[in-house]
Amino acid sequence: MPKPRLESSGDVPSYLGNLTRAPLLSYEEEVTLARASQAGDEKARKRLIESNMRLVINIARTYMNGAVPLEDLIQEGALGLMRAVERFDIDRGFRFSTYATHWIRQSILRALDNKGKTIRVPAHVQQMLRRIERERDQYLAQMGHEISPELLAERVGMDVEKLRTLLSNQTELLSLDARTKGGEGITLGATIPDEEINSPEYLLLSEELWEQFEDCLNELTEREAEVIRMRMNNGNSVHFREEMARHLRLSQERVRQLEITAIQKLRMIARQRRLAEFLPDTGIQSL
């Protein structure tokens, strides 16, 4: 695939100048624009990109340490955003920002790995970086903005100053997206055991995992699958069941019952298929 190019001769400021005039998109607007963009509508593609450049800038700023100019980080992040626009699967029911965050960070990290100094990193540090990235992605998908260092430190169980130091040095670390020698395309990150893959957003970072999870969803009823997809998209919203009830024209109690039934079925199916470790921690006991 040819490398995506920014508009206006690849000049990032052409996008930055539109940030204040590009409002955030609703889920319905994302779906409409994504469909139009993938059908060849250049105006829809441009609007989808411009409306998500805030996300690119916020992510790029977290990788600033002087080694690479912010504008270059934004440029790389914008390329990742464009890849996300091209690859986004509308039918999966996720917010575009959830999907795009992975591609933006991957693009930035790859650029930093290519341009920066590479050093050997202990496995436990690599593991912590993976966990930090997941927490960032999950919080961003749920709340619509970047998590604060203080809250991030609390979530990963680390002193906030140690977290700041780790993040400030992150651009010198070996990128988890770097290909291993003799690994036939396998990334270093893929070789690290991970016992904490429990966020629904992380599922879509792996096409293979998602296909298996989608197969599980296909064994639910249509309504059960729809409830699960909406929960994965807006599960922490206090209005989740109210919105779902209105959408399905059911009572909130009935939505709750569907949710419990669907989760129980998914866990049973996942255990049968040895996929239980990839299911989200849905907190069913608290329902």
C-alpha atoms as a PDB file:
ATOM      1  CA  MET A   1       0.000   0.000   0.000  1.00  0.00           C
ATOM      2  CA  PRO A   2       1.407   3.429  -0.864  1.00  0.00           C
ATOM      3  CA  LYS A   3       2.216   5.639   2.084  1.00  0.00           C
ATOM      4  CA  PRO A   4      -0.639   8.085   2.824  1.00  0.00           C
ATOM      5  CA  ARG A   5       0.097  11.701   2.082  1.00  0.00           C
ATOM      6  CA  LEU A   6      -1.191  14.771   3.855  1.00  0.00           C
ATOM      7  CA  GLU A   7      -3.141  17.343   1.929  1.00  0.00           C
ATOM      8  CA  SER A   8      -1.530  20.605   0.866  1.00  0.00           C
ATOM      9  CA  SER A   9       1.808  19.063  -0.051  1.00  0.00           C
ATOM     10  CA  GLY A  10       2.000  17.083   3.184  1.00  0.00           C
ATOM     11  CA  ASP A  11       1.904  20.168   5.371  1.00  0.00           C
ATOM     12  CA  VAL A  12       0.526  19.393   8.854  1.00  0.00           C
ATOM     13  CA  PRO A  13      -0.341  23.059   9.608  1.00  0.00           C
ATOM     14  CA  SER A  14      -3.018  22.817   6.908  1.00  0.00           C
ATOM     15  CA  TYR A  15      -4.830  20.533   9.334  1.00  0.00           C
ATOM     16  CA  LEU A  16      -3.905  22.455  12.475  1.00  0.00           C
ATOM     17  CA  GLY A  17      -5.458  25.586  11.053  1.00  0.00           C
ATOM     18  CA  ASN A  18      -8.799  23.816  10.869  1.00  0.00           C
ATOM     19  CA  LEU A  19      -8.823  22.435  14.406  1.00  0.00           C
ATOM     20  CA  THR A  20     -10.845  25.225  15.965  1.00  0.00           C
ATOM     21  CA  ARG A  21     -13.397  24.919  13.176  1.00  0.00           C
ATOM     22  CA  ALA A  22     -13.685  21.134  13.204  1.00  0.00           C
ATOM     23  CA  PRO A  23     -16.188  20.054  15.887  1.00  0.00           C
ATOM     24  CA  LEU A  24     -16.070  16.610  17.436  1.00  0.00           C
ATOM     25  CA  LEU A  25     -18.229  14.078  15.641  1.00  0.00           C
ATOM     26  CA  SER A  26     -21.084  12.034  17.012  1.00  0.00           C
ATOM     27  CA  TYR A  27     -21.048   8.281  16.470  1.00  0.00           C
ATOM     28  CA  GLU A  28     -23.690   8.634  13.756  1.00  0.00           C
ATOM     29  CA  GLU A  29     -21.619  11.291  11.971  1.00  0.00           C
ATOM     30  CA  GLU A  30     -18.528   9.076  12.141  1.00  0.00           C
ATOM     31  CA  VAL A  31     -20.406   6.207  10.528  1.00  0.00           C
ATOM     32  CA  THR A  32     -21.825   8.414   7.782  1.00  0.00           C
ATOM     33  CA  LEU A  33     -18.461  10.020   7.011  1.00  0.00           C
ATOM     34  CA  ALA A  34     -16.559   6.734   7.162  1.00  0.00           C
ATOM     35  CA  ARG A  35     -18.934   5.086   4.713  1.00  0.00           C
ATOM     36  CA  ALA A  36     -18.723   8.046   2.354  1.00  0.00           C
ATOM     37  CA  SER A  37     -14.934   8.222   2.662  1.00  0.00           C
ATOM     38  CA  GLN A  38     -14.481   4.546   1.890  1.00  0.00           C
ATOM     39  CA  ALA A  39     -16.765   4.999  -1.108  1.00  0.00           C
ATOM     40  CA  GLY A  40     -14.370   7.625  -2.464  1.00  0.00           C
ATOM     41  CA  ASP A  41     -15.844  10.858  -1.076  1.00  0.00           C
ATOM     42  CA  GLU A  42     -12.761  13.037  -0.523  1.00  0.00           C
ATOM     43  CA  LYS A  43     -14.680  15.727   1.374  1.00  0.00           C
ATOM     44  CA  ALA A  44     -15.952  13.155   3.867  1.00  0.00           C
ATOM     45  CA  ARG A  45     -12.431  11.765   4.287  1.00  0.00           C
ATOM     46  CA  LYS A  46     -11.014  15.224   4.918  1.00  0.00           C
ATOM     47  CA  ARG A  47     -13.661  16.067   7.499  1.00  0.00           C
ATOM     48  CA  LEU A  48     -13.135  12.775   9.327  1.00  0.00           C
ATOM     49  CA  ILE A  49      -9.410  13.483   9.492  1.00  0.00           C
ATOM     50  CA  GLU A  50      -9.750  17.128  10.517  1.00  0.00           C
ATOM     51  CA  SER A  51     -12.255  16.283  13.251  1.00  0.00           C
ATOM     52  CA  ASN A  52      -9.771  13.837  14.783  1.00  0.00           C
ATOM     53  CA  MET A  53      -6.603  15.928  14.570  1.00  0.00           C
ATOM     54  CA  ARG A  54      -7.112  16.977  18.201  1.00  0.00           C
ATOM     55  CA  LEU A  55      -6.626  13.321  19.053  1.00  0.00           C
ATOM     56  CA  VAL A  56      -3.414  13.208  17.000  1.00  0.00           C
ATOM     57  CA  ILE A  57      -2.012  16.297  18.726  1.00  0.00           C
ATOM     58  CA  ASN A  58      -2.912  15.060  22.217  1.00  0.00           C
ATOM     59  CA  ILE A  59      -1.206  11.733  21.574  1.00  0.00           C
ATOM     60  CA  ALA A  60       1.829  13.349  19.915  1.00  0.00           C
ATOM     61  CA  ARG A  61       2.355  15.630  22.921  1.00  0.00           C
ATOM     62  CA  THR A  62       2.693  12.639  25.235  1.00  0.00           C
ATOM     63  CA  TYR A  63       5.780  11.534  23.272  1.00  0.00           C
ATOM     64  CA  MET A  64       7.602  14.876  23.353  1.00  0.00           C
ATOM     65  CA  ASN A  65      11.097  14.686  24.826  1.00  0.00           C
ATOM     66  CA  GLY A  66      13.124  16.864  22.477  1.00  0.00           C
ATOM     67  CA  ALA A  67      14.387  13.998  20.329  1.00  0.00           C
ATOM     68  CA  VAL A  68      11.798  14.596  17.602  1.00  0.00           C
ATOM     69  CA  PRO A  69      10.021  17.927  16.961  1.00  0.00           C
ATOM     70  CA  LEU A  70       6.337  18.035  17.856  1.00  0.00           C
ATOM     71  CA  GLU A  71       5.432  18.881  14.261  1.00  0.00           C
ATOM     72  CA  ASP A  72       7.126  15.676  13.079  1.00  0.00           C
ATOM     73  CA  LEU A  73       5.273  13.651  15.701  1.00  0.00           C
ATOM     74  CA  ILE A  74       1.993  15.178  14.554  1.00  0.00           C
ATOM     75  CA  GLN A  75       2.906  14.432  10.944  1.00  0.00           C
ATOM     76  CA  GLU A  76       3.493  10.780  11.767  1.00  0.00           C
ATOM     77  CA  GLY A  77       0.351  10.627  13.869  1.00  0.00           C
ATOM     78  CA  ALA A  78      -1.657  12.091  10.994  1.00  0.00           C
ATOM     79  CA  LEU A  79      -0.372   9.327   8.724  1.00  0.00           C
ATOM     80  CA  GLY A  80      -1.559   6.787  11.271  1.00  0.00           C
ATOM     81  CA  LEU A  81      -4.926   8.535  11.398  1.00  0.00           C
ATOM     82  CA  MET A  82      -5.221   8.242   7.626  1.00  0.00           C
ATOM     83  CA  ARG A  83      -4.479   4.534   7.789  1.00  0.00           C
ATOM     84  CA  ALA A  84      -7.234   4.220  10.367  1.00  0.00           C
ATOM     85  CA  VAL A  85      -9.675   5.989   8.034  1.00  0.00           C
ATOM     86  CA  GLU A  86      -8.814   3.501   5.295  1.00  0.00           C
ATOM     87  CA  ARG A  87      -9.029   0.403   7.484  1.00  0.00           C
ATOM     88  CA  PHE A  88     -11.909   1.290   9.832  1.00  0.00           C
ATOM     89  CA  ASP A  89     -14.604  -1.395   9.844  1.00  0.00           C
ATOM     90  CA  ILE A  90     -17.863   0.440  10.475  1.00  0.00           C
ATOM     91  CA  ASP A  91     -19.861  -2.710  11.132  1.00  0.00           C
ATOM     92  CA  ARG A  92     -17.967  -3.541  14.314  1.00  0.00           C
ATOM     93  CA  GLY A  93     -19.800  -0.821  16.216  1.00  0.00           C
ATOM     94  CA  PHE A  94     -16.799   0.901  17.845  1.00  0.00           C
ATOM     95  CA  ARG A  95     -16.128   4.611  17.958  1.00  0.00           C
ATOM     96  CA  PHE A  96     -13.622   5.673  15.316  1.00  0.00           C
ATOM     97  CA  SER A  97     -11.385   7.311  17.943  1.00  0.00           C
ATOM     98  CA  THR A  98     -10.963   3.956  19.700  1.00  0.00           C
ATOM     99  CA  TYR A  99      -9.695   2.365  16.507  1.00  0.00           C
ATOM    100  CA  ALA A 100      -7.671   5.372  15.363  1.00  0.00           C
ATOM    101  CA  THR A 101      -5.764   5.721  18.644  1.00  0.00           C
ATOM    102  CA  HIS A 102      -3.915   2.460  18.021  1.00  0.00           C
ATOM    103  CA  TRP A 103      -2.875   3.456  14.484  1.00  0.00           C
ATOM    104  CA  ILE A 104      -1.815   6.944  15.569  1.00  0.00           C
ATOM    105  CA  ARG A 105       0.381   5.654  18.394  1.00  0.00           C
ATOM    106  CA  GLN A 106       1.783   2.860  16.255  1.00  0.00           C
ATOM    107  CA  SER A 107       2.797   5.337  13.560  1.00  0.00           C
ATOM    108  CA  ILE A 108       4.434   7.686  16.073  1.00  0.00           C
ATOM    109  CA  LEU A 109       6.273   4.883  17.864  1.00  0.00           C
ATOM    110  CA  ARG A 110       7.561   3.459  14.605  1.00  0.00           C
ATOM    111  CA  ALA A 111       8.882   6.872  13.601  1.00  0.00           C
ATOM    112  CA  LEU A 112      10.558   7.339  16.977  1.00  0.00           C
ATOM    113  CA  ASP A 113      12.117   3.915  16.720  1.00  0.00           C
ATOM    114  CA  ASN A 114      13.470   4.746  13.269  1.00  0.00           C
ATOM    115  CA  LYS A 115      14.785   8.171  14.252  1.00  0.00           C
ATOM    116  CA  GLY A 116      15.741   7.711  17.869  1.00  0.00           C
ATOM    117  CA  LYS A 117      18.249   5.688  19.824  1.00  0.00           C
ATOM    118  CA  THR A 118      17.370   2.050  20.447  1.00  0.00           C
ATOM    119  CA  ILE A 119      18.388   0.374  23.698  1.00  0.00           C
ATOM    120  CA  ARG A 120      17.640  -2.968  25.281  1.00  0.00           C
ATOM    121  CA  VAL A 121      14.652  -2.752  27.616  1.00  0.00           C
ATOM    122  CA  PRO A 122      13.898  -5.169  30.475  1.00  0.00           C
ATOM    123  CA  ALA A 123      10.806  -7.310  29.932  1.00  0.00           C
ATOM    124  CA  HIS A 124       9.005  -5.902  32.980  1.00  0.00           C
ATOM    125  CA  VAL A 125       9.422  -2.370  31.608  1.00  0.00           C
ATOM    126  CA  GLN A 126       8.051  -3.447  28.237  1.00  0.00           C
ATOM    127  CA  GLN A 127       5.122  -5.065  30.036  1.00  0.00           C
ATOM    128  CA  MET A 128       4.404  -1.875  31.973  1.00  0.00           C
ATOM    129  CA  LEU A 129       4.530   0.213  28.793  1.00  0.00           C
ATOM    130  CA  ARG A 130       1.984  -2.084  27.196  1.00  0.00           C
ATOM    131  CA  ARG A 131      -0.296  -1.700  30.199  1.00  0.00           C
ATOM    132  CA  ILE A 132       0.088   2.083  30.172  1.00  0.00           C
ATOM    133  CA  GLU A 133      -0.822   2.236  26.481  1.00  0.00           C
ATOM    134  CA  ARG A 134      -3.916   0.123  27.082  1.00  0.00           C
ATOM    135  CA  GLU A 135      -5.048   2.294  29.989  1.00  0.00           C
ATOM    136  CA  ARG A 136      -4.589   5.407  27.858  1.00  0.00           C
ATOM    137  CA  ASP A 137      -6.538   3.917  24.962  1.00  0.00           C
ATOM    138  CA  GLN A 138      -9.360   2.663  27.148  1.00  0.00           C
ATOM    139  CA  TYR A 139      -9.746   5.956  29.023  1.00  0.00           C
ATOM    140  CA  LEU A 140      -9.642   7.977  25.812  1.00  0.00           C
ATOM    141  CA  ALA A 141     -12.286   5.787  24.213  1.00  0.00           C
ATOM    142  CA  GLN A 142     -14.553   6.059  27.247  1.00  0.00           C
ATOM    143  CA  MET A 143     -14.072   9.702  28.233  1.00  0.00           C
ATOM    144  CA  GLY A 144     -13.152  11.405  24.955  1.00  0.00           C
ATOM    145  CA  HIS A 145      -9.939  13.002  26.269  1.00  0.00           C
ATOM    146  CA  GLU A 146      -6.501  11.944  27.456  1.00  0.00           C
ATOM    147  CA  ILE A 147      -6.106  10.598  30.974  1.00  0.00           C
ATOM    148  CA  SER A 148      -4.164  12.725  33.484  1.00  0.00           C
ATOM    149  CA  PRO A 149      -0.754  11.468  34.657  1.00  0.00           C
ATOM    150  CA  GLU A 150      -2.079  11.267  38.227  1.00  0.00           C
ATOM    151  CA  LEU A 151      -5.038   9.057  37.337  1.00  0.00           C
ATOM    152  CA  LEU A 152      -2.931   6.982  34.945  1.00  0.00           C
ATOM    153  CA  ALA A 153      -0.378   6.375  37.696  1.00  0.00           C
ATOM    154  CA  GLU A 154      -3.154   5.299  40.056  1.00  0.00           C
ATOM    155  CA  ARG A 155      -4.591   2.879  37.491  1.00  0.00           C
ATOM    156  CA  VAL A 156      -1.278   1.160  36.784  1.00  0.00           C
ATOM    157  CA  GLY A 157      -0.115   1.213  40.413  1.00  0.00           C
ATOM    158  CA  MET A 158       2.915   3.426  39.918  1.00  0.00           C
ATOM    159  CA  ASP A 159       4.239   6.559  41.581  1.00  0.00           C
ATOM    160  CA  VAL A 160       3.318   9.524  39.387  1.00  0.00           C
ATOM    161  CA  GLU A 161       6.896  10.818  39.204  1.00  0.00           C
ATOM    162  CA  LYS A 162       8.198   7.404  38.156  1.00  0.00           C
ATOM    163  CA  LEU A 163       5.472   7.311  35.528  1.00  0.00           C
ATOM    164  CA  ARG A 164       6.499  10.725  34.202  1.00  0.00           C
ATOM    165  CA  THR A 165      10.118   9.594  34.022  1.00  0.00           C
ATOM    166  CA  LEU A 166       9.188   6.394  32.207  1.00  0.00           C
ATOM    167  CA  LEU A 167       7.070   8.269  29.662  1.00  0.00           C
ATOM    168  CA  SER A 168       9.698  10.950  29.123  1.00  0.00           C
ATOM    169  CA  ASN A 169      12.239   8.263  28.268  1.00  0.00           C
ATOM    170  CA  GLN A 170       9.833   6.200  26.209  1.00  0.00           C
ATOM    171  CA  THR A 171      11.023   7.512  22.863  1.00  0.00           C
ATOM    172  CA  GLU A 172      14.441   5.972  23.534  1.00  0.00           C
ATOM    173  CA  LEU A 173      12.982   2.551  24.218  1.00  0.00           C
ATOM    174  CA  LEU A 174      12.774  -0.249  21.706  1.00  0.00           C
ATOM    175  CA  SER A 175       9.427   0.067  19.984  1.00  0.00           C
ATOM    176  CA  LEU A 176       7.113  -2.844  20.639  1.00  0.00           C
ATOM    177  CA  ASP A 177       6.170  -2.618  16.964  1.00  0.00           C
ATOM    178  CA  ALA A 178       9.742  -3.284  15.811  1.00  0.00           C
ATOM    179  CA  ARG A 179      10.144  -6.578  13.958  1.00  0.00           C
ATOM    180  CA  THR A 180      12.189  -9.250  15.692  1.00  0.00           C
ATOM    181  CA  LYS A 181      15.232 -10.622  13.885  1.00  0.00           C
ATOM    182  CA  GLY A 182      14.378 -13.870  12.191  1.00  0.00           C
ATOM    183  CA  GLY A 183      10.824 -13.589  13.462  1.00  0.00           C
ATOM    184  CA  GLU A 184       9.168 -13.601  10.044  1.00  0.00           C
ATOM    185  CA  GLY A 185       7.214 -10.447  10.720  1.00  0.00           C
ATOM    186  CA  ILE A 186       6.522 -11.106  14.399  1.00  0.00           C
ATOM    187  CA  THR A 187       6.757  -7.977  16.537  1.00  0.00           C
ATOM    188  CA  LEU A 188       8.661  -7.774  19.798  1.00  0.00           C
ATOM    189  CA  GLY A 189       5.446  -6.824  21.574  1.00  0.00           C
ATOM    190  CA  ALA A 190       3.779  -9.993  20.370  1.00  0.00           C
ATOM    191  CA  THR A 191       6.449 -12.101  22.073  1.00  0.00           C
ATOM    192  CA  ILE A 192       5.815 -10.584  25.515  1.00  0.00           C
ATOM    193  CA  PRO A 193       3.402 -12.611  27.686  1.00  0.00           C
ATOM    194  CA  ASP A 194       0.444 -10.465  28.688  1.00  0.00           C
ATOM    195  CA  GLU A 195      -1.910 -11.554  31.442  1.00  0.00           C
ATOM    196  CA  GLU A 196      -3.915  -8.341  31.629  1.00  0.00           C
ATOM    197  CA  ILE A 197      -5.594  -8.112  28.208  1.00  0.00           C
ATOM    198  CA  ASN A 198      -9.077  -7.396  29.517  1.00  0.00           C
ATOM    199  CA  SER A 199     -10.290  -4.191  27.881  1.00  0.00           C
ATOM    200  CA  PRO A 200     -12.752  -4.440  24.986  1.00  0.00           C
ATOM    201  CA  GLU A 201     -10.893  -1.707  23.140  1.00  0.00           C
ATOM    202  CA  TYR A 202      -7.742  -3.838  23.124  1.00  0.00           C
ATOM    203  CA  LEU A 203      -9.583  -6.603  21.281  1.00  0.00           C
ATOM    204  CA  LEU A 204      -9.782  -4.569  18.119  1.00  0.00           C
ATOM    205  CA  LEU A 205      -6.016  -4.039  18.086  1.00  0.00           C
ATOM    206  CA  SER A 206      -5.660  -7.634  16.937  1.00  0.00           C
ATOM    207  CA  GLU A 207      -7.499  -8.641  13.781  1.00  0.00           C
ATOM    208  CA  GLU A 208      -7.166 -12.331  14.629  1.00  0.00           C
ATOM    209  CA  LEU A 209      -8.538 -11.904  18.143  1.00  0.00           C
ATOM    210  CA  TRP A 210     -11.382  -9.782  16.883  1.00  0.00           C
ATOM    211  CA  GLU A 211     -12.412 -12.397  14.306  1.00  0.00           C
ATOM    212  CA  GLN A 212     -12.582 -14.999  17.057  1.00  0.00           C
ATOM    213  CA  PHE A 213     -14.546 -12.691  19.326  1.00  0.00           C
ATOM    214  CA  GLU A 214     -16.899 -11.813  16.467  1.00  0.00           C
ATOM    215  CA  ASP A 215     -17.554 -15.520  16.014  1.00  0.00           C
ATOM    216  CA  CYS A 216     -18.581 -15.650  19.665  1.00  0.00           C
ATOM    217  CA  LEU A 217     -20.944 -12.713  19.188  1.00  0.00           C
ATOM    218  CA  ASN A 218     -22.523 -14.470  16.224  1.00  0.00           C
ATOM    219  CA  GLU A 219     -23.757 -17.195  18.575  1.00  0.00           C
ATOM    220  CA  LEU A 220     -25.843 -14.669  20.518  1.00  0.00           C
ATOM    221  CA  THR A 221     -29.258 -13.447  19.498  1.00  0.00           C
ATOM    222  CA  GLU A 222     -29.319 -10.260  17.450  1.00  0.00           C
ATOM    223  CA  ARG A 223     -30.465  -8.197  20.431  1.00  0.00           C
ATOM    224  CA  GLU A 224     -27.908  -9.728  22.784  1.00  0.00           C
ATOM    225  CA  ALA A 225     -25.080  -9.008  20.352  1.00  0.00           C
ATOM    226  CA  GLU A 226     -26.309  -5.449  19.889  1.00  0.00           C
ATOM    227  CA  VAL A 227     -26.370  -4.876  23.652  1.00  0.00           C
ATOM    228  CA  ILE A 228     -22.798  -6.185  23.978  1.00  0.00           C
ATOM    229  CA  ARG A 229     -21.513  -4.027  21.120  1.00  0.00           C
ATOM    230  CA  MET A 230     -23.131  -0.928  22.570  1.00  0.00           C
ATOM    231  CA  ARG A 231     -21.772  -1.747  26.014  1.00  0.00           C
ATOM    232  CA  MET A 232     -18.273  -2.107  24.588  1.00  0.00           C
ATOM    233  CA  ASN A 233     -18.675   1.271  22.925  1.00  0.00           C
ATOM    234  CA  ASN A 234     -20.319   3.185  25.769  1.00  0.00           C
ATOM    235  CA  GLY A 235     -20.213   0.777  28.659  1.00  0.00           C
ATOM    236  CA  ASN A 236     -19.066   3.294  31.286  1.00  0.00           C
ATOM    237  CA  SER A 237     -21.726   5.828  30.391  1.00  0.00           C
ATOM    238  CA  VAL A 238     -24.210   6.371  33.216  1.00  0.00           C
ATOM    239  CA  HIS A 239     -26.893   6.592  30.559  1.00  0.00           C
ATOM    240  CA  PHE A 240     -25.957   3.338  28.823  1.00  0.00           C
ATOM    241  CA  ARG A 241     -29.072   1.342  29.710  1.00  0.00           C
ATOM    242  CA  GLU A 242     -31.335   4.317  29.206  1.00  0.00           C
ATOM    243  CA  GLU A 243     -29.941   4.842  25.699  1.00  0.00           C
ATOM    244  CA  MET A 244     -30.065   1.130  24.920  1.00  0.00           C
ATOM    245  CA  ALA A 245     -33.653   0.843  26.180  1.00  0.00           C
ATOM    246  CA  ARG A 246     -34.734   3.732  24.003  1.00  0.00           C
ATOM    247  CA  HIS A 247     -32.930   2.288  20.993  1.00  0.00           C
ATOM    248  CA  LEU A 248     -34.478  -1.177  21.407  1.00  0.00           C
ATOM    249  CA  ARG A 249     -37.810   0.138  22.717  1.00  0.00           C
ATOM    250  CA  LEU A 250     -37.501  -1.972  25.844  1.00  0.00           C
ATOM    251  CA  SER A 251     -37.465  -1.257  29.560  1.00  0.00           C
ATOM    252  CA  GLN A 252     -34.109  -0.656  31.247  1.00  0.00           C
ATOM    253  CA  GLU A 253     -34.684  -3.772  33.346  1.00  0.00           C
ATOM    254  CA  ARG A 254     -35.143  -5.843  30.194  1.00  0.00           C
ATOM    255  CA  VAL A 255     -31.918  -4.394  28.777  1.00  0.00           C
ATOM    256  CA  ARG A 256     -30.167  -5.356  32.007  1.00  0.00           C
ATOM    257  CA  GLN A 257     -31.477  -8.915  31.703  1.00  0.00           C
ATOM    258  CA  LEU A 258     -30.329  -9.136  28.080  1.00  0.00           C
ATOM    259  CA  GLU A 259     -26.914  -7.849  29.110  1.00  0.00           C
ATOM    260  CA  ILE A 260     -26.504 -10.446  31.859  1.00  0.00           C
ATOM    261  CA  THR A 261     -27.654 -13.281  29.605  1.00  0.00           C
ATOM    262  CA  ALA A 262     -25.342 -12.190  26.787  1.00  0.00           C
ATOM    263  CA  ILE A 263     -22.312 -11.926  29.077  1.00  0.00           C
ATOM    264  CA  GLN A 264     -22.980 -15.348  30.578  1.00  0.00           C
ATOM    265  CA  LYS A 265     -23.250 -16.867  27.105  1.00  0.00           C
ATOM    266  CA  LEU A 266     -20.049 -15.159  25.948  1.00  0.00           C
ATOM    267  CA  ARG A 267     -18.103 -16.444  28.915  1.00  0.00           C
ATOM    268  CA  MET A 268     -19.349 -19.989  28.350  1.00  0.00           C
ATOM    269  CA  ILE A 269     -18.515 -19.832  24.626  1.00  0.00           C
ATOM    270  CA  ALA A 270     -15.104 -18.323  25.355  1.00  0.00           C
ATOM    271  CA  ARG A 271     -14.260 -21.050  27.872  1.00  0.00           C
ATOM    272  CA  GLN A 272     -15.234 -23.700  25.347  1.00  0.00           C
ATOM    273  CA  ARG A 273     -12.996 -22.088  22.741  1.00  0.00           C
ATOM    274  CA  ARG A 274     -10.165 -21.307  25.190  1.00  0.00           C
ATOM    275  CA  LEU A 275     -10.688 -17.579  24.641  1.00  0.00           C
ATOM    276  CA  ALA A 276     -11.768 -16.647  28.162  1.00  0.00           C
ATOM    277  CA  GLU A 277      -8.657 -14.574  28.830  1.00  0.00           C
ATOM    278  CA  PHE A 278      -9.583 -12.233  25.996  1.00  0.00           C
ATOM    279  CA  LEU A 279     -13.089 -11.411  27.222  1.00  0.00           C
ATOM    280  CA  PRO A 280     -13.566  -8.026  28.904  1.00  0.00           C
ATOM    281  CA  ASP A 281     -14.040  -7.871  32.658  1.00  0.00           C
ATOM    282  CA  THR A 282     -17.693  -6.873  32.501  1.00  0.00           C
ATOM    283  CA  GLY A 283     -18.374  -6.738  36.197  1.00  0.00           C
ATOM    284  CA  ILE A 284     -21.387  -9.040  35.885  1.00  0.00           C
ATOM    285  CA  GLN A 285     -21.507  -9.697  39.629  1.00  0.00           C
ATOM    286  CA  SER A 286     -22.380  -6.042  40.187  1.00  0.00           C
ATOM    287  CA  LEU A 287     -25.288  -6.017  37.718  1.00  0.00           C
END
